[in-house]
C-alpha atoms as a PDB file:
ATOM      1  CA  UNK A   1      24.034  -2.807 126.267  1.00  0.00           C
ATOM      2  CA  UNK A   2      21.321  -4.722 124.340  1.00  0.00           C
ATOM      3  CA  UNK A   3      22.764  -6.016 120.375  1.00  0.00           C
ATOM      4  CA  UNK A   4      20.002  -5.968 117.962  1.00  0.00           C
ATOM      5  CA  UNK A   5      19.997  -8.374 115.187  1.00  0.00           C
ATOM      6  CA  UNK A   6      17.179  -7.129 114.016  1.00  0.00           C
ATOM      7  CA  UNK A   7      14.337  -4.406 115.010  1.00  0.00           C
ATOM      8  CA  UNK A   8      11.534  -5.585 116.592  1.00  0.00           C
ATOM      9  CA  UNK A   9       7.913  -4.887 116.844  1.00  0.00           C
ATOM     10  CA  UNK A  10       5.125  -5.000 118.657  1.00  0.00           C
ATOM     11  CA  UNK A  11       3.053  -7.362 116.509  1.00  0.00           C
ATOM     12  CA  UNK A  12       5.586  -9.377 114.897  1.00  0.00           C
ATOM     13  CA  UNK A  13       8.323 -11.432 116.987  1.00  0.00           C
ATOM     14  CA  UNK A  14       9.228 -14.779 114.682  1.00  0.00           C
ATOM     15  CA  UNK A  15      12.382 -16.146 114.158  1.00  0.00           C
ATOM     16  CA  UNK A  16      14.042 -13.142 115.805  1.00  0.00           C
ATOM     17  CA  UNK A  17      17.918 -13.294 117.333  1.00  0.00           C
ATOM     18  CA  UNK A  18      18.963 -10.925 120.407  1.00  0.00           C
ATOM     19  CA  UNK A  19      22.383 -10.665 121.635  1.00  0.00           C
ATOM     20  CA  UNK A  20      22.669 -10.524 125.942  1.00  0.00           C
ATOM     21  CA  UNK A  21      25.905  -8.824 127.676  1.00  0.00           C
ATOM     22  CA  UNK A  22      24.479  -8.918 130.861  1.00  0.00           C
ATOM     23  CA  UNK A  23      21.636  -9.380 133.048  1.00  0.00           C
ATOM     24  CA  UNK A  24      19.915  -6.240 132.724  1.00  0.00           C
ATOM     25  CA  UNK A  25      20.317  -7.300 128.516  1.00  0.00           C
ATOM     26  CA  UNK A  26      18.430 -10.284 129.351  1.00  0.00           C
ATOM     27  CA  UNK A  27      15.633  -8.385 131.250  1.00  0.00           C
ATOM     28  CA  UNK A  28      15.160  -5.527 128.328  1.00  0.00           C
ATOM     29  CA  UNK A  29      14.606  -8.454 125.881  1.00  0.00           C
ATOM     30  CA  UNK A  30      12.406 -10.335 127.819  1.00  0.00           C
ATOM     31  CA  UNK A  31      10.644  -7.099 128.453  1.00  0.00           C
ATOM     32  CA  UNK A  32      10.549  -6.290 124.302  1.00  0.00           C
ATOM     33  CA  UNK A  33       9.036 -10.164 124.663  1.00  0.00           C
ATOM     34  CA  UNK A  34       6.373  -9.506 126.579  1.00  0.00           C
ATOM     35  CA  UNK A  35       4.637  -7.201 124.312  1.00  0.00           C
ATOM     36  CA  UNK A  36       3.854 -10.277 122.409  1.00  0.00           C
ATOM     37  CA  UNK A  37       2.813 -12.589 125.032  1.00  0.00           C
ATOM     38  CA  UNK A  38      -0.751 -13.161 125.088  1.00  0.00           C
ATOM     39  CA  UNK A  39      -3.668 -15.296 127.929  1.00  0.00           C
ATOM     40  CA  UNK A  40      -3.008 -18.713 126.881  1.00  0.00           C
ATOM     41  CA  UNK A  41       0.972 -18.968 125.729  1.00  0.00           C
ATOM     42  CA  UNK A  42       2.987 -21.771 126.351  1.00  0.00           C
ATOM     43  CA  UNK A  43       6.823 -21.032 126.344  1.00  0.00           C
ATOM     44  CA  UNK A  44       9.968 -23.161 125.751  1.00  0.00           C
ATOM     45  CA  UNK A  45      12.619 -22.305 127.131  1.00  0.00           C
ATOM     46  CA  UNK A  46      15.908 -24.403 125.827  1.00  0.00           C
ATOM     47  CA  UNK A  47      19.596 -23.678 127.112  1.00  0.00           C
ATOM     48  CA  UNK A  48      22.068 -24.715 129.121  1.00  0.00           C
ATOM     49  CA  UNK A  49      22.402 -24.554 133.063  1.00  0.00           C
ATOM     50  CA  UNK A  50      23.581 -21.103 133.517  1.00  0.00           C
ATOM     51  CA  UNK A  51      22.222 -19.639 130.590  1.00  0.00           C
ATOM     52  CA  UNK A  52      20.276 -16.784 131.923  1.00  0.00           C
ATOM     53  CA  UNK A  53      16.420 -18.756 131.261  1.00  0.00           C
ATOM     54  CA  UNK A  54      15.218 -17.816 134.902  1.00  0.00           C
ATOM     55  CA  UNK A  55      16.846 -14.591 133.912  1.00  0.00           C
ATOM     56  CA  UNK A  56      14.630 -13.906 131.579  1.00  0.00           C
ATOM     57  CA  UNK A  57      11.035 -15.196 133.557  1.00  0.00           C
ATOM     58  CA  UNK A  58      12.418 -12.558 135.722  1.00  0.00           C
ATOM     59  CA  UNK A  59      12.326  -9.878 133.011  1.00  0.00           C
ATOM     60  CA  UNK A  60       8.918 -11.365 131.821  1.00  0.00           C
ATOM     61  CA  UNK A  61       7.729 -10.759 135.435  1.00  0.00           C
ATOM     62  CA  UNK A  62       9.263  -7.348 135.860  1.00  0.00           C
ATOM     63  CA  UNK A  63       8.006  -6.545 132.277  1.00  0.00           C
ATOM     64  CA  UNK A  64       4.122  -7.423 133.715  1.00  0.00           C
ATOM     65  CA  UNK A  65       4.397  -6.131 137.129  1.00  0.00           C
ATOM     66  CA  UNK A  66       5.192  -8.865 138.768  1.00  0.00           C
ATOM     67  CA  UNK A  67       6.649  -7.402 142.283  1.00  0.00           C
ATOM     68  CA  UNK A  68       7.957 -10.553 143.884  1.00  0.00           C
ATOM     69  CA  UNK A  69      10.838 -12.364 144.300  1.00  0.00           C
ATOM     70  CA  UNK A  70      11.280 -14.814 140.748  1.00  0.00           C
ATOM     71  CA  UNK A  71      13.384 -17.777 142.104  1.00  0.00           C
ATOM     72  CA  UNK A  72      14.048 -20.567 139.803  1.00  0.00           C
ATOM     73  CA  UNK A  73      11.168 -23.547 140.299  1.00  0.00           C
ATOM     74  CA  UNK A  74      14.191 -26.179 140.418  1.00  0.00           C
ATOM     75  CA  UNK A  75      13.294 -28.174 143.504  1.00  0.00           C
ATOM     76  CA  UNK A  76       9.223 -27.140 143.870  1.00  0.00           C
ATOM     77  CA  UNK A  77       8.923 -27.716 139.523  1.00  0.00           C
ATOM     78  CA  UNK A  78       6.351 -25.188 138.859  1.00  0.00           C
ATOM     79  CA  UNK A  79       6.183 -21.306 140.540  1.00  0.00           C
ATOM     80  CA  UNK A  80       2.734 -19.389 140.159  1.00  0.00           C
ATOM     81  CA  UNK A  81       3.264 -15.460 140.319  1.00  0.00           C
ATOM     82  CA  UNK A  82      -0.495 -13.980 140.075  1.00  0.00           C
ATOM     83  CA  UNK A  83      -0.390 -10.506 138.222  1.00  0.00           C
ATOM     84  CA  UNK A  84      -2.767  -7.900 139.408  1.00  0.00           C
ATOM     85  CA  UNK A  85      -4.083  -4.716 137.191  1.00  0.00           C
ATOM     86  CA  UNK A  86      -2.608  -6.344 133.891  1.00  0.00           C
ATOM     87  CA  UNK A  87      -5.762  -7.548 131.823  1.00  0.00           C
ATOM     88  CA  UNK A  88      -3.838  -9.119 129.221  1.00  0.00           C
ATOM     89  CA  UNK A  89      -2.709 -11.261 131.503  1.00  0.00           C
ATOM     90  CA  UNK A  90      -3.269 -12.704 134.990  1.00  0.00           C
ATOM     91  CA  UNK A  91      -1.010 -15.106 135.740  1.00  0.00           C
ATOM     92  CA  UNK A  92       2.524 -16.421 135.238  1.00  0.00           C
ATOM     93  CA  UNK A  93       3.419 -20.886 135.493  1.00  0.00           C
ATOM     94  CA  UNK A  94       6.496 -21.189 135.727  1.00  0.00           C
ATOM     95  CA  UNK A  95       7.859 -24.905 135.277  1.00  0.00           C
ATOM     96  CA  UNK A  96      11.470 -26.642 135.651  1.00  0.00           C
ATOM     97  CA  UNK A  97      11.495 -30.051 134.608  1.00  0.00           C
ATOM     98  CA  UNK A  98      14.942 -30.491 135.186  1.00  0.00           C
ATOM     99  CA  UNK A  99      14.311 -32.682 137.906  1.00  0.00           C
ATOM    100  CA  UNK A 100      11.636 -34.540 136.557  1.00  0.00           C
ATOM    101  CA  UNK A 101      12.103 -37.943 135.079  1.00  0.00           C
ATOM    102  CA  UNK A 102      10.961 -39.198 131.601  1.00  0.00           C
ATOM    103  CA  UNK A 103       6.712 -39.913 132.016  1.00  0.00           C
ATOM    104  CA  UNK A 104       6.392 -38.750 135.495  1.00  0.00           C
ATOM    105  CA  UNK A 105       2.784 -39.483 135.154  1.00  0.00           C
ATOM    106  CA  UNK A 106       1.979 -37.145 138.491  1.00  0.00           C
ATOM    107  CA  UNK A 107       3.694 -33.940 136.660  1.00  0.00           C
ATOM    108  CA  UNK A 108       2.165 -35.218 133.488  1.00  0.00           C
ATOM    109  CA  UNK A 109      -1.374 -34.661 135.041  1.00  0.00           C
ATOM    110  CA  UNK A 110      -0.188 -31.983 137.216  1.00  0.00           C
ATOM    111  CA  UNK A 111       0.822 -30.029 133.884  1.00  0.00           C
ATOM    112  CA  UNK A 112      -2.511 -30.955 131.936  1.00  0.00           C
ATOM    113  CA  UNK A 113      -4.542 -28.625 134.432  1.00  0.00           C
ATOM    114  CA  UNK A 114      -2.093 -25.737 134.326  1.00  0.00           C
ATOM    115  CA  UNK A 115      -2.242 -26.140 130.406  1.00  0.00           C
ATOM    116  CA  UNK A 116      -5.897 -26.100 130.180  1.00  0.00           C
ATOM    117  CA  UNK A 117      -5.897 -22.821 132.192  1.00  0.00           C
ATOM    118  CA  UNK A 118      -5.915 -19.781 129.245  1.00  0.00           C
ATOM    119  CA  UNK A 119      -6.097 -17.129 131.570  1.00  0.00           C
ATOM    120  CA  UNK A 120      -2.033 -17.004 132.176  1.00  0.00           C
ATOM    121  CA  UNK A 121       1.190 -17.680 129.979  1.00  0.00           C
ATOM    122  CA  UNK A 122       3.175 -21.126 131.037  1.00  0.00           C
ATOM    123  CA  UNK A 123       6.701 -20.879 131.149  1.00  0.00           C
ATOM    124  CA  UNK A 124       8.731 -23.912 130.811  1.00  0.00           C
ATOM    125  CA  UNK A 125      12.104 -24.791 131.353  1.00  0.00           C
ATOM    126  CA  UNK A 126      13.735 -28.323 130.240  1.00  0.00           C
ATOM    127  CA  UNK A 127      10.631 -29.388 128.563  1.00  0.00           C
ATOM    128  CA  UNK A 128      12.926 -32.076 126.513  1.00  0.00           C
ATOM    129  CA  UNK A 129      12.259 -34.015 129.727  1.00  0.00           C
ATOM    130  CA  UNK A 130       8.713 -34.560 129.049  1.00  0.00           C
ATOM    131  CA  UNK A 131       6.412 -35.231 126.078  1.00  0.00           C
ATOM    132  CA  UNK A 132       2.894 -34.524 124.652  1.00  0.00           C
ATOM    133  CA  UNK A 133       3.612 -30.699 125.827  1.00  0.00           C
ATOM    134  CA  UNK A 134       2.997 -28.300 122.779  1.00  0.00           C
ATOM    135  CA  UNK A 135       4.422 -24.356 123.450  1.00  0.00           C
ATOM    136  CA  UNK A 136       4.254 -21.748 120.482  1.00  0.00           C
ATOM    137  CA  UNK A 137       7.310 -19.945 121.596  1.00  0.00           C
ATOM    138  CA  UNK A 138      10.425 -21.278 121.929  1.00  0.00           C
ATOM    139  CA  UNK A 139      13.197 -19.263 123.352  1.00  0.00           C
ATOM    140  CA  UNK A 140      16.595 -20.841 122.713  1.00  0.00           C
ATOM    141  CA  UNK A 141      20.103 -19.815 125.044  1.00  0.00           C
ATOM    142  CA  UNK A 142      23.127 -20.328 123.079  1.00  0.00           C
ATOM    143  CA  UNK A 143      26.870 -19.197 124.364  1.00  0.00           C
ATOM    144  CA  UNK A 144      28.280 -17.183 121.206  1.00  0.00           C
ATOM    145  CA  UNK A 145      31.959 -15.410 121.535  1.00  0.00           C
ATOM    146  CA  UNK A 146      31.266 -12.526 124.313  1.00  0.00           C
ATOM    147  CA  UNK A 147      27.693 -13.149 124.684  1.00  0.00           C
ATOM    148  CA  UNK A 148      24.561 -15.072 125.107  1.00  0.00           C
ATOM    149  CA  UNK A 149      22.330 -15.660 121.633  1.00  0.00           C
ATOM    150  CA  UNK A 150      18.599 -15.589 122.136  1.00  0.00           C
ATOM    151  CA  UNK A 151      16.648 -16.826 119.699  1.00  0.00           C
ATOM    152  CA  UNK A 152      12.609 -16.343 120.079  1.00  0.00           C
ATOM    153  CA  UNK A 153      10.416 -18.113 117.525  1.00  0.00           C
ATOM    154  CA  UNK A 154       7.011 -18.641 117.320  1.00  0.00           C
ATOM    155  CA  UNK A 155       6.156 -21.650 116.286  1.00  0.00           C
ATOM    156  CA  UNK A 156       4.526 -24.876 117.209  1.00  0.00           C
ATOM    157  CA  UNK A 157       6.920 -27.320 118.652  1.00  0.00           C
ATOM    158  CA  UNK A 158       6.185 -30.484 120.689  1.00  0.00           C
ATOM    159  CA  UNK A 159       8.618 -32.724 122.981  1.00  0.00           C
END
């Protein structure tokens, strides 16, 4: 069961807080978030290991109609998922910067290329590992009692 601290709407999702007690809850929260995503959005996912960041991406992918298996890009760094039949968003680029060193020039160039593509959505785990990336959505995961608190903010954030 998903516990909402608010009643989400399709057009507005600013500084919202959700509580998840299961993977299914996290999928449902991500699906709700997908309703406000648009081409060119950059999303930062912030939280400790095992907090549900990749599960959140799986929920977004499922809501957008992606049927391929969504895996964490921890070792590949970037996984791209094409979306067919969805005019809203064509591609998800799922980026995991956990293993990237600070000021990694090669990764910086790759990210610039992905950021210039405004046809998809870029979702970045561990964005604090890089600088000069700006997002317009920040999703923060924290452990709260027996649930995960998922804060979604529509704000400009740069690391």
